[in-house]
Amino acid sequence: MLAFRLGLIFLLGSISGAYAAGSACDRVIASAHPDYPPYHWREGGRIVGASVDLNKLIFSEIDIPFEAVYTGPWKRVLKTAENGDVDFLMSLKKTPQRSKFLLYTEAPAFENPFTVFTLKTRQFPLLTWIDLKGKFGAKNAGDRYGEPFDTYVLNVLELSDNFSFLENVNRLLIERVDYIIHGRYVGQAQFGAIDGGENIVPLDWNVMNGFIHSGFVRTSPCVHLNPYVSQRYSELLSDGTAARLLADNVGRWILNSRNYELNKKVVDSK
């Protein structure tokens, strides 16, 4: 606790120095992918989820108002950041193209591992990629996981990749495929919110570990806050806060989705 306080004092001093140099950061306007639960998703004109909860916590520590807004589909979100219309993009993959207009946090905001989901009644041992050989799997069209697993998927595994998420779920439920590769936390949220999803479970081993970072728009007056946010990301990832927020928002997404479907059925029946 003492080390954290000392670090906070040091970083706040650095931030104050940036203000003195003419910074005009009086609030942070953020956005994110509108459909990536439990990390973030759209609710009306705002973005909610674990990413928002994490960053609100961090920016509240330095009394900077934080607002997460819906700015459109994902490609438009990226364009909005590139144009400098927001200050901050939450929890996304690093790419060279995005680095041209985003200064990524040094530390990741969250873990984002990929794993294998299968029927509860058809679980199998999974300790290495080799354990997937001889089984027929599925992945969502266009999904990539990172090297070297992408190459292994392409050259070794029997894997269909020309179906949507819901099509793959249906194929798994009727046992046309043995498993689906999906993000561990995203899968827990999405499978948990659909009919039959309670019969689909993740296996313990991750086929690919991964992390997602946030990024300040390079032209934002708030970009000097990057070191502070990075340090807090590291600390909150280490102490389990980030994982707890993910778990909380898996439950939130499932509950909200089921309530929406229930209300929709009531309206449709009138």
C-alpha atoms as a PDB file:
ATOM      1  CA  MET A   1       0.000   0.000   0.000  1.00  0.00           C
ATOM      2  CA  LEU A   2       2.840   2.425   0.876  1.00  0.00           C
ATOM      3  CA  ALA A   3       4.560   1.671  -2.444  1.00  0.00           C
ATOM      4  CA  PHE A   4       1.333   2.377  -4.312  1.00  0.00           C
ATOM      5  CA  ARG A   5       0.834   5.702  -2.521  1.00  0.00           C
ATOM      6  CA  LEU A   6       4.396   6.789  -3.240  1.00  0.00           C
ATOM      7  CA  GLY A   7       3.996   5.815  -6.869  1.00  0.00           C
ATOM      8  CA  LEU A   8       0.715   7.689  -7.036  1.00  0.00           C
ATOM      9  CA  ILE A   9       2.297  10.825  -5.580  1.00  0.00           C
ATOM     10  CA  PHE A  10       5.127  10.627  -8.112  1.00  0.00           C
ATOM     11  CA  LEU A  11       2.818  10.145 -11.058  1.00  0.00           C
ATOM     12  CA  LEU A  12       0.428  12.859  -9.904  1.00  0.00           C
ATOM     13  CA  GLY A  13       3.406  15.200  -9.728  1.00  0.00           C
ATOM     14  CA  SER A  14       4.280  14.310 -13.301  1.00  0.00           C
ATOM     15  CA  ILE A  15       0.699  14.879 -14.383  1.00  0.00           C
ATOM     16  CA  SER A  16       0.622  18.258 -12.623  1.00  0.00           C
ATOM     17  CA  GLY A  17       3.778  19.191 -14.496  1.00  0.00           C
ATOM     18  CA  ALA A  18       2.082  18.363 -17.759  1.00  0.00           C
ATOM     19  CA  TYR A  19      -0.841  20.597 -16.823  1.00  0.00           C
ATOM     20  CA  ALA A  20       1.574  23.414 -16.058  1.00  0.00           C
ATOM     21  CA  ALA A  21       3.077  22.962 -19.490  1.00  0.00           C
ATOM     22  CA  GLY A  22      -0.303  23.861 -20.984  1.00  0.00           C
ATOM     23  CA  SER A  23      -2.303  20.631 -21.061  1.00  0.00           C
ATOM     24  CA  ALA A  24      -6.067  21.106 -21.258  1.00  0.00           C
ATOM     25  CA  CYS A  25      -7.183  17.628 -20.222  1.00  0.00           C
ATOM     26  CA  ASP A  26     -10.291  18.274 -18.122  1.00  0.00           C
ATOM     27  CA  ARG A  27     -12.080  15.018 -19.043  1.00  0.00           C
ATOM     28  CA  VAL A  28     -11.496  11.830 -21.021  1.00  0.00           C
ATOM     29  CA  ILE A  29     -13.923  10.824 -23.771  1.00  0.00           C
ATOM     30  CA  ALA A  30     -13.513   7.154 -24.615  1.00  0.00           C
ATOM     31  CA  SER A  31     -15.049   4.639 -26.973  1.00  0.00           C
ATOM     32  CA  ALA A  32     -14.702   0.958 -27.858  1.00  0.00           C
ATOM     33  CA  HIS A  33     -16.066  -1.858 -29.984  1.00  0.00           C
ATOM     34  CA  PRO A  34     -19.869  -1.792 -29.484  1.00  0.00           C
ATOM     35  CA  ASP A  35     -20.275  -5.579 -29.273  1.00  0.00           C
ATOM     36  CA  TYR A  36     -17.479  -7.276 -27.340  1.00  0.00           C
ATOM     37  CA  PRO A  37     -18.907  -8.438 -24.014  1.00  0.00           C
ATOM     38  CA  PRO A  38     -17.903  -8.705 -21.231  1.00  0.00           C
ATOM     39  CA  TYR A  39     -15.168  -6.191 -22.038  1.00  0.00           C
ATOM     40  CA  HIS A  40     -17.514  -3.599 -23.519  1.00  0.00           C
ATOM     41  CA  TRP A  41     -20.778  -3.246 -25.382  1.00  0.00           C
ATOM     42  CA  ARG A  42     -23.336  -0.664 -26.379  1.00  0.00           C
ATOM     43  CA  GLU A  43     -26.265   0.361 -24.216  1.00  0.00           C
ATOM     44  CA  GLY A  44     -28.073   3.163 -26.019  1.00  0.00           C
ATOM     45  CA  GLY A  45     -25.678   6.043 -26.562  1.00  0.00           C
ATOM     46  CA  ARG A  46     -23.048   4.803 -24.139  1.00  0.00           C
ATOM     47  CA  ILE A  47     -20.517   1.988 -23.834  1.00  0.00           C
ATOM     48  CA  VAL A  48     -20.606  -0.188 -20.713  1.00  0.00           C
ATOM     49  CA  GLY A  49     -18.729  -3.248 -19.457  1.00  0.00           C
ATOM     50  CA  ALA A  50     -15.545  -4.275 -17.685  1.00  0.00           C
ATOM     51  CA  SER A  51     -13.375  -1.863 -19.686  1.00  0.00           C
ATOM     52  CA  VAL A  52     -15.510   1.073 -18.597  1.00  0.00           C
ATOM     53  CA  ASP A  53     -15.576  -0.037 -14.963  1.00  0.00           C
ATOM     54  CA  LEU A  54     -11.785  -0.419 -14.902  1.00  0.00           C
ATOM     55  CA  ASN A  55     -11.052   2.952 -16.456  1.00  0.00           C
ATOM     56  CA  LYS A  56     -13.639   4.839 -14.407  1.00  0.00           C
ATOM     57  CA  LEU A  57     -11.922   3.486 -11.305  1.00  0.00           C
ATOM     58  CA  ILE A  58      -8.508   4.658 -12.528  1.00  0.00           C
ATOM     59  CA  PHE A  59      -9.493   8.126 -13.712  1.00  0.00           C
ATOM     60  CA  SER A  60     -11.549   8.772 -10.574  1.00  0.00           C
ATOM     61  CA  GLU A  61      -8.316   8.406  -8.579  1.00  0.00           C
ATOM     62  CA  ILE A  62      -6.963  11.542 -10.243  1.00  0.00           C
ATOM     63  CA  ASP A  63     -10.311  13.381 -10.410  1.00  0.00           C
ATOM     64  CA  ILE A  64     -10.577  13.260 -14.193  1.00  0.00           C
ATOM     65  CA  PRO A  65     -14.169  12.771 -15.432  1.00  0.00           C
ATOM     66  CA  PHE A  66     -14.414   9.739 -17.705  1.00  0.00           C
ATOM     67  CA  GLU A  67     -17.165   9.123 -20.255  1.00  0.00           C
ATOM     68  CA  ALA A  68     -17.513   6.134 -22.587  1.00  0.00           C
ATOM     69  CA  VAL A  69     -19.651   6.932 -25.629  1.00  0.00           C
ATOM     70  CA  TYR A  70     -21.045   4.944 -28.540  1.00  0.00           C
ATOM     71  CA  THR A  71     -19.662   6.347 -31.787  1.00  0.00           C
ATOM     72  CA  GLY A  72     -20.888   3.704 -34.245  1.00  0.00           C
ATOM     73  CA  PRO A  73     -19.739   0.375 -35.685  1.00  0.00           C
ATOM     74  CA  TRP A  74     -16.146  -0.717 -35.043  1.00  0.00           C
ATOM     75  CA  LYS A  75     -14.661   0.722 -38.236  1.00  0.00           C
ATOM     76  CA  ARG A  76     -16.258   4.070 -37.454  1.00  0.00           C
ATOM     77  CA  VAL A  77     -14.939   3.913 -33.880  1.00  0.00           C
ATOM     78  CA  LEU A  78     -11.396   3.547 -35.220  1.00  0.00           C
ATOM     79  CA  LYS A  79     -11.969   6.395 -37.685  1.00  0.00           C
ATOM     80  CA  THR A  80     -13.299   8.595 -34.895  1.00  0.00           C
ATOM     81  CA  ALA A  81     -10.066   8.034 -32.962  1.00  0.00           C
ATOM     82  CA  GLU A  82      -7.929   8.574 -36.042  1.00  0.00           C
ATOM     83  CA  ASN A  83      -9.693  11.915 -36.580  1.00  0.00           C
ATOM     84  CA  GLY A  84      -9.066  12.932 -32.958  1.00  0.00           C
ATOM     85  CA  ASP A  85     -12.762  13.102 -32.015  1.00  0.00           C
ATOM     86  CA  VAL A  86     -12.220  10.981 -28.870  1.00  0.00           C
ATOM     87  CA  ASP A  87      -9.333  10.797 -26.411  1.00  0.00           C
ATOM     88  CA  PHE A  88      -9.083   7.105 -25.693  1.00  0.00           C
ATOM     89  CA  LEU A  89      -9.921   3.671 -27.091  1.00  0.00           C
ATOM     90  CA  MET A  90     -10.405   0.875 -24.581  1.00  0.00           C
ATOM     91  CA  SER A  91      -9.159  -2.712 -24.644  1.00  0.00           C
ATOM     92  CA  LEU A  92      -8.174  -3.540 -28.206  1.00  0.00           C
ATOM     93  CA  LYS A  93      -5.448  -5.410 -30.033  1.00  0.00           C
ATOM     94  CA  LYS A  94      -2.231  -3.671 -30.945  1.00  0.00           C
ATOM     95  CA  THR A  95      -1.587  -3.326 -34.682  1.00  0.00           C
ATOM     96  CA  PRO A  96       0.996  -1.243 -36.584  1.00  0.00           C
ATOM     97  CA  GLN A  97      -1.785   0.639 -38.394  1.00  0.00           C
ATOM     98  CA  ARG A  98      -3.545   1.624 -35.167  1.00  0.00           C
ATOM     99  CA  SER A  99      -0.233   2.651 -33.581  1.00  0.00           C
ATOM    100  CA  LYS A 100      -0.039   5.498 -36.085  1.00  0.00           C
ATOM    101  CA  PHE A 101      -2.785   7.343 -34.209  1.00  0.00           C
ATOM    102  CA  LEU A 102      -2.869   5.544 -30.839  1.00  0.00           C
ATOM    103  CA  LEU A 103      -0.272   5.547 -28.065  1.00  0.00           C
ATOM    104  CA  TYR A 104      -0.887   2.199 -26.403  1.00  0.00           C
ATOM    105  CA  THR A 105      -0.592   1.627 -22.689  1.00  0.00           C
ATOM    106  CA  GLU A 106       2.578  -0.241 -21.839  1.00  0.00           C
ATOM    107  CA  ALA A 107       0.682  -2.658 -19.585  1.00  0.00           C
ATOM    108  CA  PRO A 108      -2.400  -4.539 -20.819  1.00  0.00           C
ATOM    109  CA  ALA A 109      -5.816  -3.755 -19.439  1.00  0.00           C
ATOM    110  CA  PHE A 110      -6.999  -7.379 -19.418  1.00  0.00           C
ATOM    111  CA  GLU A 111      -6.111 -10.914 -20.310  1.00  0.00           C
ATOM    112  CA  ASN A 112      -7.852 -12.087 -23.497  1.00  0.00           C
ATOM    113  CA  PRO A 113      -7.079 -15.801 -23.913  1.00  0.00           C
ATOM    114  CA  PHE A 114      -8.587 -18.161 -26.487  1.00  0.00           C
ATOM    115  CA  THR A 115      -9.804 -21.570 -25.490  1.00  0.00           C
ATOM    116  CA  VAL A 116     -11.903 -24.501 -26.665  1.00  0.00           C
ATOM    117  CA  PHE A 117     -15.621 -24.691 -25.919  1.00  0.00           C
ATOM    118  CA  THR A 118     -17.458 -27.991 -26.192  1.00  0.00           C
ATOM    119  CA  LEU A 119     -20.610 -29.675 -24.963  1.00  0.00           C
ATOM    120  CA  LYS A 120     -20.664 -30.417 -21.253  1.00  0.00           C
ATOM    121  CA  THR A 121     -21.362 -34.064 -22.086  1.00  0.00           C
ATOM    122  CA  ARG A 122     -18.514 -34.342 -24.628  1.00  0.00           C
ATOM    123  CA  GLN A 123     -15.525 -32.838 -22.797  1.00  0.00           C
ATOM    124  CA  PHE A 124     -12.093 -34.230 -23.621  1.00  0.00           C
ATOM    125  CA  PRO A 125      -8.544 -33.855 -22.253  1.00  0.00           C
ATOM    126  CA  LEU A 126      -6.739 -30.822 -23.649  1.00  0.00           C
ATOM    127  CA  LEU A 127      -3.151 -30.148 -22.606  1.00  0.00           C
ATOM    128  CA  THR A 128      -1.496 -29.323 -25.947  1.00  0.00           C
ATOM    129  CA  TRP A 129      -2.586 -28.375 -29.463  1.00  0.00           C
ATOM    130  CA  ILE A 130      -1.936 -31.972 -30.546  1.00  0.00           C
ATOM    131  CA  ASP A 131      -4.962 -33.048 -28.499  1.00  0.00           C
ATOM    132  CA  LEU A 132      -7.181 -31.303 -31.079  1.00  0.00           C
ATOM    133  CA  LYS A 133      -5.965 -33.520 -33.928  1.00  0.00           C
ATOM    134  CA  GLY A 134      -8.547 -36.059 -35.094  1.00  0.00           C
ATOM    135  CA  LYS A 135     -11.434 -33.863 -33.966  1.00  0.00           C
ATOM    136  CA  PHE A 136     -13.545 -31.587 -36.142  1.00  0.00           C
ATOM    137  CA  GLY A 137     -13.742 -28.043 -34.866  1.00  0.00           C
ATOM    138  CA  ALA A 138     -15.089 -24.646 -35.838  1.00  0.00           C
ATOM    139  CA  LYS A 139     -14.045 -21.030 -35.629  1.00  0.00           C
ATOM    140  CA  ASN A 140     -15.937 -17.869 -36.435  1.00  0.00           C
ATOM    141  CA  ALA A 141     -15.363 -16.537 -39.934  1.00  0.00           C
ATOM    142  CA  GLY A 142     -12.371 -14.196 -39.998  1.00  0.00           C
ATOM    143  CA  ASP A 143     -11.140 -14.897 -36.459  1.00  0.00           C
ATOM    144  CA  ARG A 144      -7.372 -14.777 -35.849  1.00  0.00           C
ATOM    145  CA  TYR A 145      -5.600 -15.756 -32.635  1.00  0.00           C
ATOM    146  CA  GLY A 146      -1.948 -14.853 -33.187  1.00  0.00           C
ATOM    147  CA  GLU A 147       1.091 -16.834 -34.197  1.00  0.00           C
ATOM    148  CA  PRO A 148       2.118 -19.590 -34.049  1.00  0.00           C
ATOM    149  CA  PHE A 149      -1.401 -20.921 -33.408  1.00  0.00           C
ATOM    150  CA  ASP A 150      -2.862 -19.380 -36.590  1.00  0.00           C
ATOM    151  CA  THR A 151      -0.383 -21.385 -38.674  1.00  0.00           C
ATOM    152  CA  TYR A 152      -1.161 -24.570 -36.715  1.00  0.00           C
ATOM    153  CA  VAL A 153      -4.893 -24.028 -37.299  1.00  0.00           C
ATOM    154  CA  LEU A 154      -4.330 -23.552 -41.025  1.00  0.00           C
ATOM    155  CA  ASN A 155      -1.945 -26.448 -41.616  1.00  0.00           C
ATOM    156  CA  VAL A 156      -2.853 -29.112 -39.058  1.00  0.00           C
ATOM    157  CA  LEU A 157      -6.367 -28.868 -37.656  1.00  0.00           C
ATOM    158  CA  GLU A 158      -9.636 -29.878 -39.274  1.00  0.00           C
ATOM    159  CA  LEU A 159     -11.460 -26.632 -38.745  1.00  0.00           C
ATOM    160  CA  SER A 160     -14.315 -24.952 -40.598  1.00  0.00           C
ATOM    161  CA  ASP A 161     -14.200 -21.161 -40.619  1.00  0.00           C
ATOM    162  CA  ASN A 162     -16.966 -20.065 -42.986  1.00  0.00           C
ATOM    163  CA  PHE A 163     -19.814 -19.895 -40.462  1.00  0.00           C
ATOM    164  CA  SER A 164     -21.084 -17.206 -38.085  1.00  0.00           C
ATOM    165  CA  PHE A 165     -21.032 -17.508 -34.308  1.00  0.00           C
ATOM    166  CA  LEU A 166     -24.681 -18.599 -34.035  1.00  0.00           C
ATOM    167  CA  GLU A 167     -24.304 -21.070 -36.905  1.00  0.00           C
ATOM    168  CA  ASN A 168     -21.335 -22.629 -35.129  1.00  0.00           C
ATOM    169  CA  VAL A 169     -23.282 -22.821 -31.871  1.00  0.00           C
ATOM    170  CA  ASN A 170     -26.087 -24.696 -33.609  1.00  0.00           C
ATOM    171  CA  ARG A 171     -23.622 -27.062 -35.256  1.00  0.00           C
ATOM    172  CA  LEU A 172     -22.033 -27.763 -31.865  1.00  0.00           C
ATOM    173  CA  LEU A 173     -25.400 -28.383 -30.182  1.00  0.00           C
ATOM    174  CA  ILE A 174     -26.387 -30.963 -32.819  1.00  0.00           C
ATOM    175  CA  GLU A 175     -22.873 -32.480 -32.664  1.00  0.00           C
ATOM    176  CA  ARG A 176     -21.832 -31.603 -36.203  1.00  0.00           C
ATOM    177  CA  VAL A 177     -18.581 -30.288 -34.720  1.00  0.00           C
ATOM    178  CA  ASP A 178     -16.655 -31.343 -31.620  1.00  0.00           C
ATOM    179  CA  TYR A 179     -15.600 -27.915 -30.415  1.00  0.00           C
ATOM    180  CA  ILE A 180     -15.483 -24.183 -31.102  1.00  0.00           C
ATOM    181  CA  ILE A 181     -12.411 -21.994 -30.585  1.00  0.00           C
ATOM    182  CA  HIS A 182     -13.420 -18.707 -28.986  1.00  0.00           C
ATOM    183  CA  GLY A 183     -12.261 -16.069 -26.533  1.00  0.00           C
ATOM    184  CA  ARG A 184     -12.592 -17.466 -23.012  1.00  0.00           C
ATOM    185  CA  TYR A 185     -14.383 -14.499 -21.452  1.00  0.00           C
ATOM    186  CA  VAL A 186     -16.280 -13.443 -24.572  1.00  0.00           C
ATOM    187  CA  GLY A 187     -17.442 -17.031 -24.984  1.00  0.00           C
ATOM    188  CA  GLN A 188     -18.626 -17.290 -21.386  1.00  0.00           C
ATOM    189  CA  ALA A 189     -20.736 -14.170 -21.924  1.00  0.00           C
ATOM    190  CA  GLN A 190     -22.104 -15.063 -25.348  1.00  0.00           C
ATOM    191  CA  PHE A 191     -22.796 -18.757 -24.731  1.00  0.00           C
ATOM    192  CA  GLY A 192     -24.379 -17.958 -21.381  1.00  0.00           C
ATOM    193  CA  ALA A 193     -26.894 -15.615 -22.981  1.00  0.00           C
ATOM    194  CA  ILE A 194     -28.378 -17.992 -25.593  1.00  0.00           C
ATOM    195  CA  ASP A 195     -30.745 -20.929 -25.480  1.00  0.00           C
ATOM    196  CA  GLY A 196     -28.765 -24.112 -25.002  1.00  0.00           C
ATOM    197  CA  GLY A 197     -25.684 -22.186 -23.968  1.00  0.00           C
ATOM    198  CA  GLU A 198     -25.774 -23.692 -20.498  1.00  0.00           C
ATOM    199  CA  ASN A 199     -24.734 -26.982 -22.137  1.00  0.00           C
ATOM    200  CA  ILE A 200     -21.540 -25.464 -23.581  1.00  0.00           C
ATOM    201  CA  VAL A 201     -18.439 -25.185 -21.371  1.00  0.00           C
ATOM    202  CA  PRO A 202     -14.829 -24.014 -21.786  1.00  0.00           C
ATOM    203  CA  LEU A 203     -11.997 -26.498 -21.283  1.00  0.00           C
ATOM    204  CA  ASP A 204      -9.394 -25.494 -18.700  1.00  0.00           C
ATOM    205  CA  TRP A 205      -6.375 -25.055 -20.971  1.00  0.00           C
ATOM    206  CA  ASN A 206      -6.018 -21.983 -23.194  1.00  0.00           C
ATOM    207  CA  VAL A 207      -4.915 -22.706 -26.756  1.00  0.00           C
ATOM    208  CA  MET A 208      -3.512 -19.174 -26.974  1.00  0.00           C
ATOM    209  CA  ASN A 209      -2.901 -16.655 -24.224  1.00  0.00           C
ATOM    210  CA  GLY A 210      -3.364 -13.034 -25.103  1.00  0.00           C
ATOM    211  CA  PHE A 211      -3.798  -9.533 -23.744  1.00  0.00           C
ATOM    212  CA  ILE A 212      -5.540  -6.378 -24.854  1.00  0.00           C
ATOM    213  CA  HIS A 213      -4.310  -2.838 -24.298  1.00  0.00           C
ATOM    214  CA  SER A 214      -5.938   0.567 -24.391  1.00  0.00           C
ATOM    215  CA  GLY A 215      -4.639   3.545 -26.322  1.00  0.00           C
ATOM    216  CA  PHE A 216      -4.665   7.314 -26.030  1.00  0.00           C
ATOM    217  CA  VAL A 217      -5.229   9.203 -29.245  1.00  0.00           C
ATOM    218  CA  ARG A 218      -1.851  10.783 -29.947  1.00  0.00           C
ATOM    219  CA  THR A 219      -3.370  14.247 -30.527  1.00  0.00           C
ATOM    220  CA  SER A 220      -5.449  14.151 -27.313  1.00  0.00           C
ATOM    221  CA  PRO A 221      -4.595  16.647 -24.553  1.00  0.00           C
ATOM    222  CA  CYS A 222      -4.862  13.683 -22.165  1.00  0.00           C
ATOM    223  CA  VAL A 223      -2.110  11.591 -23.742  1.00  0.00           C
ATOM    224  CA  HIS A 224       0.317  12.491 -20.912  1.00  0.00           C
ATOM    225  CA  LEU A 225      -1.819  10.333 -18.579  1.00  0.00           C
ATOM    226  CA  ASN A 226      -0.581   7.189 -20.329  1.00  0.00           C
ATOM    227  CA  PRO A 227       2.149   6.321 -17.749  1.00  0.00           C
ATOM    228  CA  TYR A 228      -0.282   6.567 -14.843  1.00  0.00           C
ATOM    229  CA  VAL A 229      -2.939   4.440 -16.570  1.00  0.00           C
ATOM    230  CA  SER A 230      -0.297   1.879 -17.544  1.00  0.00           C
ATOM    231  CA  GLN A 231       0.953   1.549 -13.969  1.00  0.00           C
ATOM    232  CA  ARG A 232      -2.572   1.116 -12.608  1.00  0.00           C
ATOM    233  CA  TYR A 233      -3.407  -1.450 -15.301  1.00  0.00           C
ATOM    234  CA  SER A 234      -0.416  -3.491 -14.196  1.00  0.00           C
ATOM    235  CA  GLU A 235      -1.381  -3.278 -10.527  1.00  0.00           C
ATOM    236  CA  LEU A 236      -5.058  -4.051 -11.051  1.00  0.00           C
ATOM    237  CA  LEU A 237      -4.251  -6.976 -13.324  1.00  0.00           C
ATOM    238  CA  SER A 238      -1.860  -8.394 -10.706  1.00  0.00           C
ATOM    239  CA  ASP A 239      -4.195  -8.025  -7.726  1.00  0.00           C
ATOM    240  CA  GLY A 240      -7.162  -9.687  -9.457  1.00  0.00           C
ATOM    241  CA  THR A 241      -9.324  -6.580  -9.877  1.00  0.00           C
ATOM    242  CA  ALA A 242      -9.367  -6.847 -13.671  1.00  0.00           C
ATOM    243  CA  ALA A 243     -10.404 -10.522 -13.533  1.00  0.00           C
ATOM    244  CA  ARG A 244     -13.151  -9.736 -11.011  1.00  0.00           C
ATOM    245  CA  LEU A 245     -14.549  -6.997 -13.259  1.00  0.00           C
ATOM    246  CA  LEU A 246     -14.624  -9.430 -16.184  1.00  0.00           C
ATOM    247  CA  ALA A 247     -16.498 -12.015 -14.114  1.00  0.00           C
ATOM    248  CA  ASP A 248     -18.978  -9.389 -12.893  1.00  0.00           C
ATOM    249  CA  ASN A 249     -19.679  -8.251 -16.440  1.00  0.00           C
ATOM    250  CA  VAL A 250     -20.090 -11.778 -17.784  1.00  0.00           C
ATOM    251  CA  GLY A 251     -22.986 -12.052 -15.340  1.00  0.00           C
ATOM    252  CA  ARG A 252     -24.271  -8.582 -16.210  1.00  0.00           C
ATOM    253  CA  TRP A 253     -24.302  -9.341 -19.942  1.00  0.00           C
ATOM    254  CA  ILE A 254     -26.091 -12.677 -19.460  1.00  0.00           C
ATOM    255  CA  LEU A 255     -28.730 -11.144 -17.185  1.00  0.00           C
ATOM    256  CA  ASN A 256     -29.341  -8.155 -19.478  1.00  0.00           C
ATOM    257  CA  SER A 257     -29.553 -10.359 -22.573  1.00  0.00           C
ATOM    258  CA  ARG A 258     -32.043 -12.746 -20.987  1.00  0.00           C
ATOM    259  CA  ASN A 259     -34.166  -9.860 -19.690  1.00  0.00           C
ATOM    260  CA  TYR A 260     -34.169  -8.337 -23.175  1.00  0.00           C
ATOM    261  CA  GLU A 261     -35.332 -11.599 -24.750  1.00  0.00           C
ATOM    262  CA  LEU A 262     -37.999 -12.028 -22.058  1.00  0.00           C
ATOM    263  CA  ASN A 263     -39.314  -8.498 -22.603  1.00  0.00           C
ATOM    264  CA  LYS A 264     -39.246  -9.007 -26.370  1.00  0.00           C
ATOM    265  CA  LYS A 265     -41.353 -12.171 -26.031  1.00  0.00           C
ATOM    266  CA  VAL A 266     -43.864 -10.276 -23.862  1.00  0.00           C
ATOM    267  CA  VAL A 267     -44.130  -7.456 -26.415  1.00  0.00           C
ATOM    268  CA  ASP A 268     -44.415  -9.884 -29.341  1.00  0.00           C
ATOM    269  CA  SER A 269     -47.238 -11.745 -27.602  1.00  0.00           C
ATOM    270  CA  LYS A 270     -49.397  -8.628 -27.237  1.00  0.00           C
END
